Amino acid sequence: MKKWKGFIVAGVIIILLGQVMFHIYKDPLDYNPESKDYYIEYGLEETSSKNLVTAIYLDYRLFDSFFEASLLLIAVAGIAFMGVKDEDLL
């Protein structure tokens, strides 16, 4: 019975990965030249940064980076909390 559970889990994972790979291969990533032109034209005056990469990362994408770091912190804290045995807490 334990052997069959492993095969079923592996099969489901392979099917899900196949679907993800199919959608990645099927959907083209369209290039948006308007956003590039906007960053080049307004990047210096909106962010006061001479380096365009820094302007995009620290100003336009700041909230995205902040929430990614917050999710990583929550995930690590959750794993650390689940890894502690009950005897260690008392």
PDB file of N, CA and C in Angstrom:
ATOM      1  N   MET A   1       0.825  -1.197   0.000  1.00  0.00           N
ATOM      2  CA  MET A   1       0.000   0.000   0.000  1.00  0.00           C
ATOM      3  C   MET A   1       0.868   1.260   0.000  1.00  0.00           C
ATOM      4  N   LYS A   2       1.957   1.237   0.789  1.00  0.00           N
ATOM      5  CA  LYS A   2       2.843   2.387   0.865  1.00  0.00           C
ATOM      6  C   LYS A   2       3.513   2.644  -0.481  1.00  0.00           C
ATOM      7  N   LYS A   3       3.810   1.564  -1.194  1.00  0.00           N
ATOM      8  CA  LYS A   3       4.444   1.671  -2.496  1.00  0.00           C
ATOM      9  C   LYS A   3       3.511   2.372  -3.487  1.00  0.00           C
ATOM     10  N   TRP A   4       2.227   2.042  -3.437  1.00  0.00           N
ATOM     11  CA  TRP A   4       1.264   2.642  -4.368  1.00  0.00           C
ATOM     12  C   TRP A   4       1.083   4.129  -4.106  1.00  0.00           C
ATOM     13  N   LYS A   5       1.118   4.528  -2.843  1.00  0.00           N
ATOM     14  CA  LYS A   5       0.995   5.950  -2.521  1.00  0.00           C
ATOM     15  C   LYS A   5       2.144   6.739  -3.138  1.00  0.00           C
ATOM     16  N   GLY A   6       3.341   6.187  -3.068  1.00  0.00           N
ATOM     17  CA  GLY A   6       4.494   6.842  -3.671  1.00  0.00           C
ATOM     18  C   GLY A   6       4.348   6.982  -5.173  1.00  0.00           C
ATOM     19  N   PHE A   7       3.860   5.918  -5.840  1.00  0.00           N
ATOM     20  CA  PHE A   7       3.654   5.986  -7.286  1.00  0.00           C
ATOM     21  C   PHE A   7       2.571   6.997  -7.653  1.00  0.00           C
ATOM     22  N   ILE A   8       1.527   7.063  -6.864  1.00  0.00           N
ATOM     23  CA  ILE A   8       0.439   8.006  -7.146  1.00  0.00           C
ATOM     24  C   ILE A   8       0.923   9.440  -6.963  1.00  0.00           C
ATOM     25  N   VAL A   9       1.652   9.698  -5.883  1.00  0.00           N
ATOM     26  CA  VAL A   9       2.186  11.047  -5.652  1.00  0.00           C
ATOM     27  C   VAL A   9       3.155  11.434  -6.764  1.00  0.00           C
ATOM     28  N   ALA A  10       4.026  10.516  -7.150  1.00  0.00           N
ATOM     29  CA  ALA A  10       4.971  10.799  -8.232  1.00  0.00           C
ATOM     30  C   ALA A  10       4.228  11.062  -9.541  1.00  0.00           C
ATOM     31  N   GLY A  11       3.189  10.287  -9.807  1.00  0.00           N
ATOM     32  CA  GLY A  11       2.405  10.491 -11.030  1.00  0.00           C
ATOM     33  C   GLY A  11       1.717  11.844 -11.054  1.00  0.00           C
ATOM     34  N   VAL A  12       1.143  12.241  -9.929  1.00  0.00           N
ATOM     35  CA  VAL A  12       0.484  13.549  -9.857  1.00  0.00           C
ATOM     36  C   VAL A  12       1.498  14.674 -10.053  1.00  0.00           C
ATOM     37  N   ILE A  13       2.674  14.538  -9.448  1.00  0.00           N
ATOM     38  CA  ILE A  13       3.712  15.564  -9.609  1.00  0.00           C
ATOM     39  C   ILE A  13       4.165  15.649 -11.061  1.00  0.00           C
ATOM     40  N   ILE A  14       4.335  14.500 -11.714  1.00  0.00           N
ATOM     41  CA  ILE A  14       4.749  14.509 -13.123  1.00  0.00           C
ATOM     42  C   ILE A  14       3.678  15.143 -13.996  1.00  0.00           C
ATOM     43  N   ILE A  15       2.423  14.864 -13.731  1.00  0.00           N
ATOM     44  CA  ILE A  15       1.331  15.465 -14.523  1.00  0.00           C
ATOM     45  C   ILE A  15       1.295  16.977 -14.316  1.00  0.00           C
ATOM     46  N   LEU A  16       1.429  17.427 -13.064  1.00  0.00           N
ATOM     47  CA  LEU A  16       1.409  18.868 -12.799  1.00  0.00           C
ATOM     48  C   LEU A  16       2.603  19.573 -13.432  1.00  0.00           C
ATOM     49  N   LEU A  17       3.784  18.977 -13.339  1.00  0.00           N
ATOM     50  CA  LEU A  17       4.955  19.574 -13.986  1.00  0.00           C
ATOM     51  C   LEU A  17       4.802  19.599 -15.498  1.00  0.00           C
ATOM     52  N   GLY A  18       4.194  18.565 -16.051  1.00  0.00           N
ATOM     53  CA  GLY A  18       3.934  18.544 -17.493  1.00  0.00           C
ATOM     54  C   GLY A  18       3.000  19.661 -17.904  1.00  0.00           C
ATOM     55  N   GLN A  19       1.965  19.916 -17.120  1.00  0.00           N
ATOM     56  CA  GLN A  19       1.046  21.015 -17.435  1.00  0.00           C
ATOM     57  C   GLN A  19       1.738  22.360 -17.349  1.00  0.00           C
ATOM     58  N   VAL A  20       2.573  22.554 -16.323  1.00  0.00           N
ATOM     59  CA  VAL A  20       3.300  23.815 -16.185  1.00  0.00           C
ATOM     60  C   VAL A  20       4.231  24.020 -17.371  1.00  0.00           C
ATOM     61  N   MET A  21       4.976  22.972 -17.741  1.00  0.00           N
ATOM     62  CA  MET A  21       5.897  23.086 -18.870  1.00  0.00           C
ATOM     63  C   MET A  21       5.144  23.336 -20.171  1.00  0.00           C
ATOM     64  N   PHE A  22       3.961  22.735 -20.330  1.00  0.00           N
ATOM     65  CA  PHE A  22       3.159  22.971 -21.531  1.00  0.00           C
ATOM     66  C   PHE A  22       2.737  24.430 -21.623  1.00  0.00           C
ATOM     67  N   HIS A  23       2.303  24.999 -20.521  1.00  0.00           N
ATOM     68  CA  HIS A  23       1.872  26.404 -20.538  1.00  0.00           C
ATOM     69  C   HIS A  23       3.046  27.352 -20.720  1.00  0.00           C
ATOM     70  N   ILE A  24       4.197  27.025 -20.154  1.00  0.00           N
ATOM     71  CA  ILE A  24       5.374  27.868 -20.352  1.00  0.00           C
ATOM     72  C   ILE A  24       5.792  27.837 -21.814  1.00  0.00           C
ATOM     73  N   TYR A  25       5.757  26.658 -22.426  1.00  0.00           N
ATOM     74  CA  TYR A  25       6.173  26.526 -23.820  1.00  0.00           C
ATOM     75  C   TYR A  25       5.155  27.163 -24.761  1.00  0.00           C
ATOM     76  N   LYS A  26       3.865  27.030 -24.435  1.00  0.00           N
ATOM     77  CA  LYS A  26       2.792  27.495 -25.321  1.00  0.00           C
ATOM     78  C   LYS A  26       2.624  29.014 -25.286  1.00  0.00           C
ATOM     79  N   ASP A  27       2.691  29.616 -24.113  1.00  0.00           N
ATOM     80  CA  ASP A  27       2.435  31.043 -23.973  1.00  0.00           C
ATOM     81  C   ASP A  27       3.701  31.842 -24.275  1.00  0.00           C
ATOM     82  N   PRO A  28       3.659  32.686 -25.290  1.00  0.00           N
ATOM     83  CA  PRO A  28       4.854  33.495 -25.569  1.00  0.00           C
ATOM     84  C   PRO A  28       4.962  34.661 -24.595  1.00  0.00           C
ATOM     85  N   LEU A  29       6.185  35.026 -24.272  1.00  0.00           N
ATOM     86  CA  LEU A  29       6.416  36.192 -23.440  1.00  0.00           C
ATOM     87  C   LEU A  29       6.562  37.389 -24.363  1.00  0.00           C
ATOM     88  N   ASP A  30       5.552  38.236 -24.385  1.00  0.00           N
ATOM     89  CA  ASP A  30       5.561  39.380 -25.284  1.00  0.00           C
ATOM     90  C   ASP A  30       6.421  40.496 -24.711  1.00  0.00           C
ATOM     91  N   TYR A  31       7.193  41.092 -25.570  1.00  0.00           N
ATOM     92  CA  TYR A  31       8.049  42.207 -25.188  1.00  0.00           C
ATOM     93  C   TYR A  31       7.228  43.484 -25.251  1.00  0.00           C
ATOM     94  N   ASN A  32       7.323  44.307 -24.225  1.00  0.00           N
ATOM     95  CA  ASN A  32       6.547  45.538 -24.160  1.00  0.00           C
ATOM     96  C   ASN A  32       7.491  46.730 -24.304  1.00  0.00           C
ATOM     97  N   PRO A  33       7.605  47.317 -25.496  1.00  0.00           N
ATOM     98  CA  PRO A  33       8.538  48.430 -25.675  1.00  0.00           C
ATOM     99  C   PRO A  33       8.072  49.721 -24.996  1.00  0.00           C
ATOM    100  N   GLU A  34       6.782  49.846 -24.702  1.00  0.00           N
ATOM    101  CA  GLU A  34       6.291  51.067 -24.062  1.00  0.00           C
ATOM    102  C   GLU A  34       6.853  51.230 -22.654  1.00  0.00           C
ATOM    103  N   SER A  35       6.964  50.143 -21.907  1.00  0.00           N
ATOM    104  CA  SER A  35       7.490  50.258 -20.549  1.00  0.00           C
ATOM    105  C   SER A  35       8.973  50.631 -20.579  1.00  0.00           C
ATOM    106  N   LYS A  36       9.716  50.092 -21.531  1.00  0.00           N
ATOM    107  CA  LYS A  36      11.134  50.445 -21.644  1.00  0.00           C
ATOM    108  C   LYS A  36      11.286  51.930 -21.946  1.00  0.00           C
ATOM    109  N   ASP A  37      10.492  52.435 -22.873  1.00  0.00           N
ATOM    110  CA  ASP A  37      10.560  53.851 -23.216  1.00  0.00           C
ATOM    111  C   ASP A  37      10.158  54.733 -22.041  1.00  0.00           C
ATOM    112  N   TYR A  38       9.166  54.291 -21.267  1.00  0.00           N
ATOM    113  CA  TYR A  38       8.732  55.063 -20.103  1.00  0.00           C
ATOM    114  C   TYR A  38       9.840  55.144 -19.061  1.00  0.00           C
ATOM    115  N   TYR A  39      10.479  54.012 -18.770  1.00  0.00           N
ATOM    116  CA  TYR A  39      11.556  54.012 -17.775  1.00  0.00           C
ATOM    117  C   TYR A  39      12.727  54.893 -18.209  1.00  0.00           C
ATOM    118  N   ILE A  40      13.056  54.842 -19.483  1.00  0.00           N
ATOM    119  CA  ILE A  40      14.172  55.654 -19.977  1.00  0.00           C
ATOM    120  C   ILE A  40      13.826  57.131 -19.938  1.00  0.00           C
ATOM    121  N   GLU A  41      12.590  57.480 -20.300  1.00  0.00           N
ATOM    122  CA  GLU A  41      12.204  58.887 -20.376  1.00  0.00           C
ATOM    123  C   GLU A  41      11.976  59.516 -19.003  1.00  0.00           C
ATOM    124  N   TYR A  42      11.291  58.811 -18.119  1.00  0.00           N
ATOM    125  CA  TYR A  42      10.894  59.403 -16.841  1.00  0.00           C
ATOM    126  C   TYR A  42      11.676  58.867 -15.637  1.00  0.00           C
ATOM    127  N   GLY A  43      12.587  57.936 -15.840  1.00  0.00           N
ATOM    128  CA  GLY A  43      13.287  57.309 -14.728  1.00  0.00           C
ATOM    129  C   GLY A  43      14.099  58.276 -13.893  1.00  0.00           C
ATOM    130  N   LEU A  44      14.830  59.168 -14.541  1.00  0.00           N
ATOM    131  CA  LEU A  44      15.689  60.089 -13.800  1.00  0.00           C
ATOM    132  C   LEU A  44      14.877  61.119 -13.025  1.00  0.00           C
ATOM    133  N   GLU A  45      13.860  61.683 -13.637  1.00  0.00           N
ATOM    134  CA  GLU A  45      13.098  62.730 -12.938  1.00  0.00           C
ATOM    135  C   GLU A  45      12.179  62.175 -11.860  1.00  0.00           C
ATOM    136  N   GLU A  46      11.686  60.949 -11.997  1.00  0.00           N
ATOM    137  CA  GLU A  46      10.802  60.386 -10.976  1.00  0.00           C
ATOM    138  C   GLU A  46      11.562  59.794  -9.797  1.00  0.00           C
ATOM    139  N   THR A  47      12.752  59.264 -10.036  1.00  0.00           N
ATOM    140  CA  THR A  47      13.474  58.584  -8.970  1.00  0.00           C
ATOM    141  C   THR A  47      14.734  59.315  -8.520  1.00  0.00           C
ATOM    142  N   SER A  48      15.211  60.275  -9.288  1.00  0.00           N
ATOM    143  CA  SER A  48      16.448  61.016  -9.017  1.00  0.00           C
ATOM    144  C   SER A  48      17.658  60.095  -8.939  1.00  0.00           C
ATOM    145  N   SER A  49      17.605  58.994  -9.651  1.00  0.00           N
ATOM    146  CA  SER A  49      18.713  58.050  -9.684  1.00  0.00           C
ATOM    147  C   SER A  49      19.310  58.045 -11.083  1.00  0.00           C
ATOM    148  N   LYS A  50      20.622  58.201 -11.153  1.00  0.00           N
ATOM    149  CA  LYS A  50      21.291  58.198 -12.455  1.00  0.00           C
ATOM    150  C   LYS A  50      21.395  56.786 -13.027  1.00  0.00           C
ATOM    151  N   ASN A  51      21.399  55.799 -12.151  1.00  0.00           N
ATOM    152  CA  ASN A  51      21.481  54.418 -12.590  1.00  0.00           C
ATOM    153  C   ASN A  51      20.062  53.894 -12.796  1.00  0.00           C
ATOM    154  N   LEU A  52      19.719  53.512 -14.010  1.00  0.00           N
ATOM    155  CA  LEU A  52      18.358  53.104 -14.336  1.00  0.00           C
ATOM    156  C   LEU A  52      17.989  51.773 -13.677  1.00  0.00           C
ATOM    157  N   VAL A  53      18.938  50.869 -13.548  1.00  0.00           N
ATOM    158  CA  VAL A  53      18.658  49.586 -12.902  1.00  0.00           C
ATOM    159  C   VAL A  53      18.308  49.801 -11.428  1.00  0.00           C
ATOM    160  N   THR A  54      19.049  50.668 -10.762  1.00  0.00           N
ATOM    161  CA  THR A  54      18.764  50.981  -9.368  1.00  0.00           C
ATOM    162  C   THR A  54      17.411  51.661  -9.242  1.00  0.00           C
ATOM    163  N   ALA A  55      17.087  52.531 -10.170  1.00  0.00           N
ATOM    164  CA  ALA A  55      15.796  53.218 -10.132  1.00  0.00           C
ATOM    165  C   ALA A  55      14.647  52.226 -10.254  1.00  0.00           C
ATOM    166  N   ILE A  56      14.768  51.267 -11.148  1.00  0.00           N
ATOM    167  CA  ILE A  56      13.702  50.283 -11.336  1.00  0.00           C
ATOM    168  C   ILE A  56      13.593  49.382 -10.113  1.00  0.00           C
ATOM    169  N   TYR A  57      14.733  48.923  -9.607  1.00  0.00           N
ATOM    170  CA  TYR A  57      14.707  47.962  -8.508  1.00  0.00           C
ATOM    171  C   TYR A  57      14.274  48.600  -7.187  1.00  0.00           C
ATOM    172  N   LEU A  58      14.774  49.781  -6.889  1.00  0.00           N
ATOM    173  CA  LEU A  58      14.510  50.373  -5.575  1.00  0.00           C
ATOM    174  C   LEU A  58      13.309  51.312  -5.537  1.00  0.00           C
ATOM    175  N   ASP A  59      12.822  51.739  -6.677  1.00  0.00           N
ATOM    176  CA  ASP A  59      11.677  52.643  -6.646  1.00  0.00           C
ATOM    177  C   ASP A  59      10.437  52.009  -7.275  1.00  0.00           C
ATOM    178  N   TYR A  60      10.542  51.586  -8.508  1.00  0.00           N
ATOM    179  CA  TYR A  60       9.364  51.037  -9.174  1.00  0.00           C
ATOM    180  C   TYR A  60       8.983  49.664  -8.637  1.00  0.00           C
ATOM    181  N   ARG A  61       9.955  48.852  -8.237  1.00  0.00           N
ATOM    182  CA  ARG A  61       9.692  47.499  -7.780  1.00  0.00           C
ATOM    183  C   ARG A  61       9.892  47.333  -6.282  1.00  0.00           C
ATOM    184  N   LEU A  62       9.878  48.402  -5.516  1.00  0.00           N
ATOM    185  CA  LEU A  62      10.174  48.328  -4.089  1.00  0.00           C
ATOM    186  C   LEU A  62       9.157  47.473  -3.334  1.00  0.00           C
ATOM    187  N   PHE A  63       7.865  47.687  -3.579  1.00  0.00           N
ATOM    188  CA  PHE A  63       6.851  46.927  -2.857  1.00  0.00           C
ATOM    189  C   PHE A  63       6.906  45.451  -3.229  1.00  0.00           C
ATOM    190  N   ASP A  64       7.189  45.155  -4.480  1.00  0.00           N
ATOM    191  CA  ASP A  64       7.312  43.766  -4.906  1.00  0.00           C
ATOM    192  C   ASP A  64       8.454  43.083  -4.157  1.00  0.00           C
ATOM    193  N   SER A  65       9.594  43.752  -4.089  1.00  0.00           N
ATOM    194  CA  SER A  65      10.748  43.181  -3.382  1.00  0.00           C
ATOM    195  C   SER A  65      10.470  43.055  -1.882  1.00  0.00           C
ATOM    196  N   PHE A  66       9.791  44.033  -1.312  1.00  0.00           N
ATOM    197  CA  PHE A  66       9.470  43.996   0.122  1.00  0.00           C
ATOM    198  C   PHE A  66       8.562  42.814   0.449  1.00  0.00           C
ATOM    199  N   PHE A  67       7.524  42.598  -0.361  1.00  0.00           N
ATOM    200  CA  PHE A  67       6.609  41.496  -0.087  1.00  0.00           C
ATOM    201  C   PHE A  67       7.251  40.139  -0.368  1.00  0.00           C
ATOM    202  N   GLU A  68       8.149  40.056  -1.337  1.00  0.00           N
ATOM    203  CA  GLU A  68       8.880  38.803  -1.554  1.00  0.00           C
ATOM    204  C   GLU A  68       9.740  38.469  -0.338  1.00  0.00           C
ATOM    205  N   ALA A  69      10.426  39.455   0.206  1.00  0.00           N
ATOM    206  CA  ALA A  69      11.249  39.226   1.397  1.00  0.00           C
ATOM    207  C   ALA A  69      10.376  38.868   2.600  1.00  0.00           C
ATOM    208  N   SER A  70       9.214  39.490   2.718  1.00  0.00           N
ATOM    209  CA  SER A  70       8.306  39.171   3.827  1.00  0.00           C
ATOM    210  C   SER A  70       7.802  37.738   3.725  1.00  0.00           C
ATOM    211  N   LEU A  71       7.443  37.294   2.533  1.00  0.00           N
ATOM    212  CA  LEU A  71       6.985  35.919   2.359  1.00  0.00           C
ATOM    213  C   LEU A  71       8.093  34.921   2.663  1.00  0.00           C
ATOM    214  N   LEU A  72       9.321  35.250   2.270  1.00  0.00           N
ATOM    215  CA  LEU A  72      10.441  34.374   2.583  1.00  0.00           C
ATOM    216  C   LEU A  72      10.641  34.283   4.097  1.00  0.00           C
ATOM    217  N   LEU A  73      10.540  35.406   4.805  1.00  0.00           N
ATOM    218  CA  LEU A  73      10.684  35.410   6.258  1.00  0.00           C
ATOM    219  C   LEU A  73       9.593  34.586   6.922  1.00  0.00           C
ATOM    220  N   ILE A  74       8.361  34.708   6.453  1.00  0.00           N
ATOM    221  CA  ILE A  74       7.250  33.939   7.021  1.00  0.00           C
ATOM    222  C   ILE A  74       7.447  32.446   6.778  1.00  0.00           C
ATOM    223  N   ALA A  75       7.908  32.080   5.577  1.00  0.00           N
ATOM    224  CA  ALA A  75       8.132  30.665   5.270  1.00  0.00           C
ATOM    225  C   ALA A  75       9.242  30.082   6.143  1.00  0.00           C
ATOM    226  N   VAL A  76      10.328  30.803   6.307  1.00  0.00           N
ATOM    227  CA  VAL A  76      11.432  30.313   7.140  1.00  0.00           C
ATOM    228  C   VAL A  76      11.000  30.212   8.598  1.00  0.00           C
ATOM    229  N   ALA A  77      10.252  31.188   9.082  1.00  0.00           N
ATOM    230  CA  ALA A  77       9.765  31.135  10.465  1.00  0.00           C
ATOM    231  C   ALA A  77       8.811  29.961  10.664  1.00  0.00           C
ATOM    232  N   GLY A  78       7.960  29.695   9.683  1.00  0.00           N
ATOM    233  CA  GLY A  78       7.046  28.553   9.781  1.00  0.00           C
ATOM    234  C   GLY A  78       7.773  27.226   9.801  1.00  0.00           C
ATOM    235  N   ILE A  79       8.792  27.097   8.959  1.00  0.00           N
ATOM    236  CA  ILE A  79       9.570  25.859   8.941  1.00  0.00           C
ATOM    237  C   ILE A  79      10.334  25.693  10.252  1.00  0.00           C
ATOM    238  N   ALA A  80      10.900  26.775  10.768  1.00  0.00           N
ATOM    239  CA  ALA A  80      11.617  26.699  12.051  1.00  0.00           C
ATOM    240  C   ALA A  80      10.666  26.347  13.182  1.00  0.00           C
ATOM    241  N   PHE A  81       9.455  26.892  13.158  1.00  0.00           N
ATOM    242  CA  PHE A  81       8.472  26.597  14.202  1.00  0.00           C
ATOM    243  C   PHE A  81       8.041  25.136  14.150  1.00  0.00           C
ATOM    244  N   MET A  82       7.837  24.597  12.933  1.00  0.00           N
ATOM    245  CA  MET A  82       7.418  23.200  12.814  1.00  0.00           C
ATOM    246  C   MET A  82       8.551  22.230  13.118  1.00  0.00           C
ATOM    247  N   GLY A  83       9.795  22.694  13.005  1.00  0.00           N
ATOM    248  CA  GLY A  83      10.930  21.818  13.266  1.00  0.00           C
ATOM    249  C   GLY A  83      11.256  21.649  14.731  1.00  0.00           C
ATOM    250  N   VAL A  84      10.695  22.468  15.592  1.00  0.00           N
ATOM    251  CA  VAL A  84      10.970  22.386  17.028  1.00  0.00           C
ATOM    252  C   VAL A  84      10.058  21.343  17.645  1.00  0.00           C
ATOM    253  N   LYS A  85      10.624  20.448  18.454  1.00  0.00           N
ATOM    254  CA  LYS A  85       9.823  19.422  19.122  1.00  0.00           C
ATOM    255  C   LYS A  85       9.108  20.042  20.323  1.00  0.00           C
ATOM    256  N   ASP A  86       8.041  19.421  20.746  1.00  0.00           N
ATOM    257  CA  ASP A  86       7.274  19.928  21.883  1.00  0.00           C
ATOM    258  C   ASP A  86       8.081  19.894  23.178  1.00  0.00           C
ATOM    259  N   GLU A  87       8.990  18.929  23.320  1.00  0.00           N
ATOM    260  CA  GLU A  87       9.790  18.841  24.542  1.00  0.00           C
ATOM    261  C   GLU A  87      10.749  20.018  24.659  1.00  0.00           C
ATOM    262  N   ASP A  88      11.193  20.545  23.529  1.00  0.00           N
ATOM    263  CA  ASP A  88      12.115  21.674  23.551  1.00  0.00           C
ATOM    264  C   ASP A  88      11.440  22.961  23.991  1.00  0.00           C
ATOM    265  N   LEU A  89      10.131  23.057  23.793  1.00  0.00           N
ATOM    266  CA  LEU A  89       9.398  24.261  24.155  1.00  0.00           C
ATOM    267  C   LEU A  89       9.162  24.347  25.663  1.00  0.00           C
ATOM    268  N   LEU A  90       9.068  23.221  26.342  1.00  0.00           N
ATOM    269  CA  LEU A  90       8.758  23.217  27.780  1.00  0.00           C
ATOM    270  C   LEU A  90       9.950  23.363  28.624  1.00  0.00           C
TER     271      LEU A  90
END
